[in-house]
Amino acid sequence: MNPNIERLKLIFFGLFIAAAIGVGVWQVWWVQPAMHCEKELKKWWDPVERICATPVLTSDITGRLITDEKALAEAKKAIGRDQPAAKK
């Protein structure tokens, strides 16, 4: 068989293996931490710095209270601080 075909076959096989390893590394080191942070920890994932951050209400920083109960409940729900179930 032509040696160029054999060489090309090995090159393409090597590129395929490198790409498959690259996809695996991408999943383990980039995608899975983001999914773990967002789903299981209920936090926000920052893809630029690769940090799992805790969301904070603006009212926590400024000290100003949210007076509207519906708005307060929605804000707490958005950051994962759900209200405890009402007692019967």
C-alpha atoms as a PDB file:
ATOM      1  CA  MET A   1       0.000   0.000   0.000  1.00  0.00           C
ATOM      2  CA  ASN A   2       1.069   3.573  -0.554  1.00  0.00           C
ATOM      3  CA  PRO A   3       3.126   4.877   2.414  1.00  0.00           C
ATOM      4  CA  ASN A   4       1.410   8.283   2.188  1.00  0.00           C
ATOM      5  CA  ILE A   5      -1.974   6.675   2.836  1.00  0.00           C
ATOM      6  CA  GLU A   6      -0.589   4.838   5.869  1.00  0.00           C
ATOM      7  CA  ARG A   7       0.934   8.073   7.198  1.00  0.00           C
ATOM      8  CA  LEU A   8      -2.325  10.012   6.668  1.00  0.00           C
ATOM      9  CA  LYS A   9      -4.268   7.231   8.368  1.00  0.00           C
ATOM     10  CA  LEU A  10      -2.042   7.486  11.440  1.00  0.00           C
ATOM     11  CA  ILE A  11      -2.224  11.290  11.447  1.00  0.00           C
ATOM     12  CA  PHE A  12      -6.044  11.291  11.307  1.00  0.00           C
ATOM     13  CA  PHE A  13      -6.255   8.581  13.952  1.00  0.00           C
ATOM     14  CA  GLY A  14      -3.940  10.607  16.208  1.00  0.00           C
ATOM     15  CA  LEU A  15      -6.013  13.761  15.674  1.00  0.00           C
ATOM     16  CA  PHE A  16      -9.187  11.846  16.500  1.00  0.00           C
ATOM     17  CA  ILE A  17      -7.706  10.494  19.734  1.00  0.00           C
ATOM     18  CA  ALA A  18      -6.425  13.982  20.695  1.00  0.00           C
ATOM     19  CA  ALA A  19      -9.858  15.507  20.017  1.00  0.00           C
ATOM     20  CA  ALA A  20     -11.617  12.804  22.053  1.00  0.00           C
ATOM     21  CA  ILE A  21      -9.265  13.380  24.989  1.00  0.00           C
ATOM     22  CA  GLY A  22      -9.784  17.147  24.632  1.00  0.00           C
ATOM     23  CA  VAL A  23     -13.565  16.759  24.824  1.00  0.00           C
ATOM     24  CA  GLY A  24     -13.222  14.569  27.914  1.00  0.00           C
ATOM     25  CA  VAL A  25     -10.959  17.088  29.640  1.00  0.00           C
ATOM     26  CA  TRP A  26     -13.365  19.898  28.710  1.00  0.00           C
ATOM     27  CA  GLN A  27     -16.265  18.008  30.325  1.00  0.00           C
ATOM     28  CA  VAL A  28     -14.410  17.163  33.516  1.00  0.00           C
ATOM     29  CA  TRP A  29     -12.609  20.469  34.098  1.00  0.00           C
ATOM     30  CA  TRP A  30     -15.098  23.015  32.704  1.00  0.00           C
ATOM     31  CA  VAL A  31     -18.673  21.764  32.221  1.00  0.00           C
ATOM     32  CA  GLN A  32     -19.157  19.511  35.245  1.00  0.00           C
ATOM     33  CA  PRO A  33     -18.053  22.085  37.872  1.00  0.00           C
ATOM     34  CA  ALA A  34     -20.466  24.625  36.365  1.00  0.00           C
ATOM     35  CA  MET A  35     -23.350  22.148  36.398  1.00  0.00           C
ATOM     36  CA  HIS A  36     -22.522  21.071  39.974  1.00  0.00           C
ATOM     37  CA  CYS A  37     -22.416  24.687  41.162  1.00  0.00           C
ATOM     38  CA  GLU A  38     -25.696  25.720  39.547  1.00  0.00           C
ATOM     39  CA  LYS A  39     -27.790  22.615  40.210  1.00  0.00           C
ATOM     40  CA  GLU A  40     -26.605  21.101  43.479  1.00  0.00           C
ATOM     41  CA  LEU A  41     -25.262  24.121  45.350  1.00  0.00           C
ATOM     42  CA  LYS A  42     -27.837  26.634  43.994  1.00  0.00           C
ATOM     43  CA  LYS A  43     -25.122  29.212  43.391  1.00  0.00           C
ATOM     44  CA  TRP A  44     -23.995  31.255  40.392  1.00  0.00           C
ATOM     45  CA  TRP A  45     -21.170  30.094  38.131  1.00  0.00           C
ATOM     46  CA  ASP A  46     -18.757  32.704  36.791  1.00  0.00           C
ATOM     47  CA  PRO A  47     -17.265  31.253  33.589  1.00  0.00           C
ATOM     48  CA  VAL A  48     -14.567  33.925  33.271  1.00  0.00           C
ATOM     49  CA  GLU A  49     -12.984  33.355  36.672  1.00  0.00           C
ATOM     50  CA  ARG A  50     -14.370  29.808  37.108  1.00  0.00           C
ATOM     51  CA  ILE A  51     -15.770  30.626  40.555  1.00  0.00           C
ATOM     52  CA  CYS A  52     -18.880  29.268  42.242  1.00  0.00           C
ATOM     53  CA  ALA A  53     -20.268  32.423  43.873  1.00  0.00           C
ATOM     54  CA  THR A  54     -22.986  32.928  46.441  1.00  0.00           C
ATOM     55  CA  PRO A  55     -25.656  35.347  45.228  1.00  0.00           C
ATOM     56  CA  VAL A  56     -26.331  38.308  47.507  1.00  0.00           C
ATOM     57  CA  LEU A  57     -29.395  40.526  47.628  1.00  0.00           C
ATOM     58  CA  THR A  58     -28.728  44.218  47.124  1.00  0.00           C
ATOM     59  CA  SER A  59     -30.763  44.882  50.237  1.00  0.00           C
ATOM     60  CA  ASP A  60     -28.251  42.798  52.231  1.00  0.00           C
ATOM     61  CA  ILE A  61     -25.439  45.119  51.134  1.00  0.00           C
ATOM     62  CA  THR A  62     -27.189  48.474  51.360  1.00  0.00           C
ATOM     63  CA  GLY A  63     -29.316  47.766  54.414  1.00  0.00           C
ATOM     64  CA  ARG A  64     -32.439  48.982  52.642  1.00  0.00           C
ATOM     65  CA  LEU A  65     -35.365  46.654  53.170  1.00  0.00           C
ATOM     66  CA  ILE A  66     -37.645  45.340  50.461  1.00  0.00           C
ATOM     67  CA  THR A  67     -41.066  46.356  51.748  1.00  0.00           C
ATOM     68  CA  ASP A  68     -43.189  44.602  49.136  1.00  0.00           C
ATOM     69  CA  GLU A  69     -43.701  41.003  50.320  1.00  0.00           C
ATOM     70  CA  LYS A  70     -44.159  39.657  46.786  1.00  0.00           C
ATOM     71  CA  ALA A  71     -40.955  41.344  45.576  1.00  0.00           C
ATOM     72  CA  LEU A  72     -39.056  40.067  48.620  1.00  0.00           C
ATOM     73  CA  ALA A  73     -40.268  36.504  48.032  1.00  0.00           C
ATOM     74  CA  GLU A  74     -39.319  36.684  44.341  1.00  0.00           C
ATOM     75  CA  ALA A  75     -35.862  38.089  45.147  1.00  0.00           C
ATOM     76  CA  LYS A  76     -35.185  35.369  47.701  1.00  0.00           C
ATOM     77  CA  LYS A  77     -36.442  32.702  45.334  1.00  0.00           C
ATOM     78  CA  ALA A  78     -34.145  34.008  42.582  1.00  0.00           C
ATOM     79  CA  ILE A  79     -31.044  33.612  44.735  1.00  0.00           C
ATOM     80  CA  GLY A  80     -32.083  30.322  46.314  1.00  0.00           C
ATOM     81  CA  ARG A  81     -33.230  31.543  49.729  1.00  0.00           C
ATOM     82  CA  ASP A  82     -36.741  30.173  49.673  1.00  0.00           C
ATOM     83  CA  GLN A  83     -39.023  30.940  52.570  1.00  0.00           C
ATOM     84  CA  PRO A  84     -39.780  28.079  54.978  1.00  0.00           C
ATOM     85  CA  ALA A  85     -43.140  26.437  54.474  1.00  0.00           C
ATOM     86  CA  ALA A  86     -46.009  28.143  56.260  1.00  0.00           C
ATOM     87  CA  LYS A  87     -47.205  26.394  59.420  1.00  0.00           C
ATOM     88  CA  LYS A  88     -50.747  25.043  59.390  1.00  0.00           C
END
